[in-house]
Protein backbone atom coordinates (compact mmCIF):
# COMPACT_ATOMS: atom_id res chain seq x y z
CA MET A 1 16.17 19.96 10.46
CA ARG A 2 13.23 21.37 8.54
CA LEU A 3 12.47 22.07 4.88
CA MET A 4 9.58 24.49 4.39
CA VAL A 5 7.84 25.20 1.07
CA GLU A 6 5.52 28.20 1.23
CA ALA A 7 2.93 29.12 -1.44
CA LEU A 8 5.12 27.95 -4.30
CA SER A 9 3.95 28.57 -7.89
CA ALA A 10 5.80 27.88 -11.15
CA ARG A 11 5.40 28.37 -14.89
CA ARG A 12 6.47 26.38 -17.91
CA GLY A 13 6.70 28.92 -20.70
CA GLU A 14 3.49 30.94 -20.54
CA ASP A 15 1.57 28.28 -18.61
CA LEU A 16 1.18 28.33 -14.83
CA ILE A 17 1.78 24.68 -13.98
CA PHE A 18 0.93 24.80 -10.28
CA ARG A 19 0.26 27.41 -7.63
CA ASP A 20 0.23 27.88 -3.86
CA ILE A 21 1.87 24.59 -2.91
CA SER A 22 2.93 24.50 0.72
CA PHE A 23 4.34 21.74 2.90
CA THR A 24 6.89 21.13 5.63
CA LEU A 25 9.23 18.17 6.02
CA ASP A 26 11.21 17.57 9.20
CA GLY A 27 14.25 15.34 9.64
CA GLY A 28 13.34 11.70 9.07
CA GLN A 29 10.30 12.49 6.92
CA SER A 30 9.64 11.79 3.24
CA MET A 31 7.12 12.86 0.63
CA VAL A 32 6.29 11.26 -2.71
CA LEU A 33 4.88 13.29 -5.61
CA THR A 34 2.46 11.41 -7.84
CA GLY A 35 0.40 12.35 -10.89
CA ARG A 36 0.34 11.93 -14.65
CA ASN A 37 3.17 13.01 -16.93
CA GLY A 38 3.18 16.78 -17.33
CA SER A 39 1.42 17.40 -14.02
CA GLY A 40 4.33 19.42 -12.63
CA LYS A 41 6.23 16.87 -10.53
CA SER A 42 9.64 17.56 -12.07
CA THR A 43 8.98 21.29 -12.13
CA LEU A 44 8.23 21.29 -8.40
CA LEU A 45 11.36 19.29 -7.62
CA ARG A 46 13.51 21.66 -9.64
CA ALA A 47 11.96 24.69 -7.93
CA VAL A 48 12.55 23.24 -4.45
CA SER A 49 16.15 22.32 -5.30
CA GLY A 50 16.93 25.81 -6.59
CA LEU A 51 17.35 24.83 -10.25
CA LEU A 52 14.24 26.74 -11.36
CA ARG A 53 13.12 30.17 -10.24
CA PRO A 54 9.51 29.92 -8.99
CA GLU A 55 6.81 32.32 -10.11
CA SER A 56 6.03 33.03 -6.46
CA GLY A 57 6.57 31.60 -3.00
CA ARG A 58 9.75 30.52 -1.29
CA VAL A 59 11.68 27.51 0.02
CA ILE A 60 13.22 27.79 3.49
CA TRP A 61 15.79 25.64 5.26
CA HIS A 62 16.29 25.57 9.02
CA SER A 63 18.69 23.54 11.12
CA GLU A 64 20.64 24.15 14.28
CA GLY A 65 24.21 25.23 13.75
CA THR A 66 23.73 26.66 10.25
CA ASP A 67 23.40 30.27 9.12
CA ALA A 68 19.80 31.47 9.29
CA ASP A 69 20.20 33.04 5.82
CA ILE A 70 21.49 29.90 4.09
CA ARG A 71 19.70 29.02 0.84
CA ALA A 72 17.61 25.86 1.03
CA ALA A 73 19.19 24.68 -2.23
CA GLU A 74 22.55 24.29 -0.45
CA ALA A 75 21.03 21.57 1.73
CA CYS A 76 19.69 19.61 -1.26
CA HIS A 77 21.00 16.81 -3.44
CA TYR A 78 19.16 16.61 -6.77
CA LEU A 79 19.03 13.41 -8.84
CA GLY A 80 17.17 14.04 -12.08
CA HIS A 81 16.39 11.96 -15.16
CA ARG A 82 19.96 12.31 -16.39
CA ASN A 83 22.84 10.76 -14.48
CA ALA A 84 25.21 13.76 -14.69
CA MET A 85 28.30 11.62 -15.37
CA LYS A 86 30.88 11.88 -18.16
CA ALA A 87 30.96 8.71 -20.27
CA GLU A 88 34.71 8.82 -20.97
CA LEU A 89 35.73 9.12 -17.31
CA SER A 90 35.85 6.13 -15.00
CA VAL A 91 33.17 5.69 -12.38
CA SER A 92 35.72 6.52 -9.68
CA GLU A 93 36.77 9.71 -11.47
CA ASN A 94 33.16 10.80 -11.86
CA LEU A 95 32.33 10.17 -8.22
CA GLY A 96 35.58 11.80 -7.11
CA PHE A 97 34.68 14.94 -9.05
CA TRP A 98 31.23 15.17 -7.46
CA LYS A 99 32.64 14.54 -3.99
CA SER A 100 35.05 17.45 -4.41
CA PHE A 101 32.68 19.76 -6.30
CA ILE A 102 29.59 19.39 -4.10
CA GLY A 103 31.26 18.99 -0.71
CA ASP A 104 29.56 18.21 2.58
CA PHE A 105 26.81 20.31 4.09
CA PRO A 106 27.51 21.25 7.74
CA GLY A 107 26.55 18.46 10.10
CA GLY A 108 27.53 15.39 8.11
CA HIS A 109 30.20 13.63 6.08
CA GLY A 110 29.99 11.73 2.82
CA VAL A 111 31.55 8.30 2.37
CA SER A 112 34.58 7.52 0.21
CA VAL A 113 34.23 6.82 -3.50
CA GLY A 114 34.94 3.14 -2.92
CA GLU A 115 32.38 2.89 -0.13
CA ALA A 116 29.74 4.56 -2.28
CA ALA A 117 30.33 2.16 -5.17
CA GLU A 118 30.15 -0.80 -2.77
CA ALA A 119 26.92 0.56 -1.27
CA VAL A 120 25.18 0.33 -4.66
CA GLY A 121 26.62 -3.14 -5.29
CA LEU A 122 29.12 -2.20 -7.99
CA GLY A 123 32.41 -1.75 -6.18
CA ASP A 124 34.22 -4.16 -8.48
CA ILE A 125 33.62 -2.12 -11.64
CA ALA A 126 34.33 1.40 -10.37
CA HIS A 127 37.52 1.44 -12.48
CA LEU A 128 35.58 1.15 -15.75
CA PRO A 129 34.57 4.12 -17.92
CA PHE A 130 31.05 5.19 -17.03
CA GLY A 131 29.99 4.83 -20.66
CA TYR A 132 30.78 1.08 -20.58
CA LEU A 133 28.10 0.42 -17.96
CA SER A 134 24.57 -0.77 -18.68
CA ALA A 135 21.68 1.65 -18.16
CA GLY A 136 20.86 0.04 -14.82
CA GLN A 137 24.46 0.16 -13.64
CA GLN A 138 24.73 3.79 -14.67
CA ARG A 139 21.65 4.62 -12.65
CA ARG A 140 23.08 2.87 -9.60
CA MET A 141 26.31 4.84 -9.90
CA ALA A 142 24.37 8.07 -10.27
CA PHE A 143 22.71 7.26 -6.97
CA ALA A 144 26.15 6.69 -5.43
CA LYS A 145 26.76 10.38 -6.14
CA LEU A 146 24.35 11.16 -3.31
CA LEU A 147 26.54 9.23 -0.89
CA VAL A 148 29.96 10.75 -1.54
CA ALA A 149 28.90 14.27 -0.49
CA TRP A 150 26.52 14.61 2.46
CA LYS A 151 23.39 16.68 2.04
CA PRO A 152 20.40 16.37 4.38
CA VAL A 153 17.74 16.62 1.64
CA TRP A 154 17.54 14.14 -1.24
CA ILE A 155 15.38 15.32 -4.16
CA LEU A 156 14.80 12.42 -6.51
CA ASP A 157 13.07 12.48 -9.92
CA GLU A 158 12.01 8.99 -11.06
CA PRO A 159 14.96 7.49 -9.18
CA THR A 160 14.19 3.85 -9.99
CA ALA A 161 14.18 4.32 -13.77
CA ALA A 162 16.18 1.53 -15.48
CA LEU A 163 16.60 -0.42 -12.24
CA ASP A 164 15.76 -4.09 -11.84
CA VAL A 165 14.01 -5.48 -8.76
CA SER A 166 17.20 -6.28 -6.85
CA ALA A 167 18.60 -2.80 -7.50
CA GLU A 168 15.34 -1.23 -6.37
CA SER A 169 15.67 -3.01 -3.02
CA VAL A 170 19.21 -1.64 -2.60
CA PHE A 171 17.96 1.82 -3.46
CA THR A 172 15.08 1.58 -0.95
CA ALA A 173 17.45 0.42 1.80
CA LEU A 174 19.74 3.41 1.21
CA ILE A 175 16.80 5.82 1.36
CA LYS A 176 15.59 4.25 4.61
CA THR A 177 19.08 4.59 6.07
CA HIS A 178 19.18 8.26 5.07
CA LEU A 179 15.80 8.85 6.75
CA SER A 180 16.81 6.93 9.89
CA GLN A 181 19.78 9.27 10.24
CA GLY A 182 17.50 12.31 10.17
CA GLY A 183 17.62 13.03 6.46
CA ILE A 184 14.70 14.24 4.31
CA VAL A 185 13.52 12.76 1.00
CA LEU A 186 11.29 14.38 -1.64
CA ALA A 187 10.70 12.14 -4.65
CA ALA A 188 8.60 11.98 -7.81
CA THR A 189 7.83 8.49 -9.01
CA HIS A 190 5.37 6.26 -10.83
CA GLN A 191 6.68 3.22 -8.92
CA PRO A 192 6.32 2.45 -5.19
CA LEU A 193 9.52 3.19 -3.26
CA GLY A 194 8.73 0.97 -0.30
CA LEU A 195 8.56 3.87 2.17
CA GLU A 196 5.83 2.94 4.64
CA ASN A 197 5.32 6.36 6.24
CA ALA A 198 5.87 8.60 3.22
CA ARG A 199 3.39 11.42 2.71
CA GLU A 200 1.88 11.77 -0.75
CA LEU A 201 1.23 14.90 -2.78
CA LYS A 202 -0.78 14.30 -5.96
CA MET A 203 0.01 16.82 -8.67
CA THR A 204 -2.76 17.74 -11.12
CA GLY A 205 -0.97 20.27 -13.33
CA PHE A 206 -1.78 23.56 -15.03
CA ALA A 207 -2.66 25.37 -11.79
CA GLY A 208 -5.35 22.83 -11.05
CA GLY A 209 -4.21 22.57 -7.47
CA THR A 210 -2.99 19.49 -5.64
CA GLU A 211 -4.41 16.77 -3.51
CA SER A 212 -2.64 16.06 -0.25
CA MET A 213 -2.87 12.63 1.33
CA TRP A 214 -1.27 12.09 4.69
């Protein structure tokens, strides 16, 4: 599996936030975006995941057994600042919706709703309305959304927000498992994710270029 980003540029309003960003991630590899607020981390993640049309450049996905013309976005899970769950529905109902709506990308299978809730340490409260959960519990359940439908690329924007130390360790273990199974992770964060071999891309913002550290 391979995710290729070629000469990507993006605007926010009239401002060119970054330009000519290129990198390649193969199965089992991860990259962490760093930089101050407003430097373009979230914008880059949204462009790679297909949620934002770039000013220029392209994102390419390649894997054996999939159509050569498949959009890279179809291989990507995106977890943003918001949890994308309905407060009035139960956790199980929310996760069940995402499992059905997103579906599995060719080559893998998501786990059941119950298994996903157990994996984030909250299997005993999956029957509760999502709105009843604490901010930390809600964030854990949002992460469980990545487990119910299998996608090879996880794109994570400040994924550890609202998590305590014990939850962060669970989160890191799930990421490491995803990578060990050949998955790819692209994340923006101000906090260390505990990924020993992650590459780092420092965003500077407003077309000031980037600094790559391998």
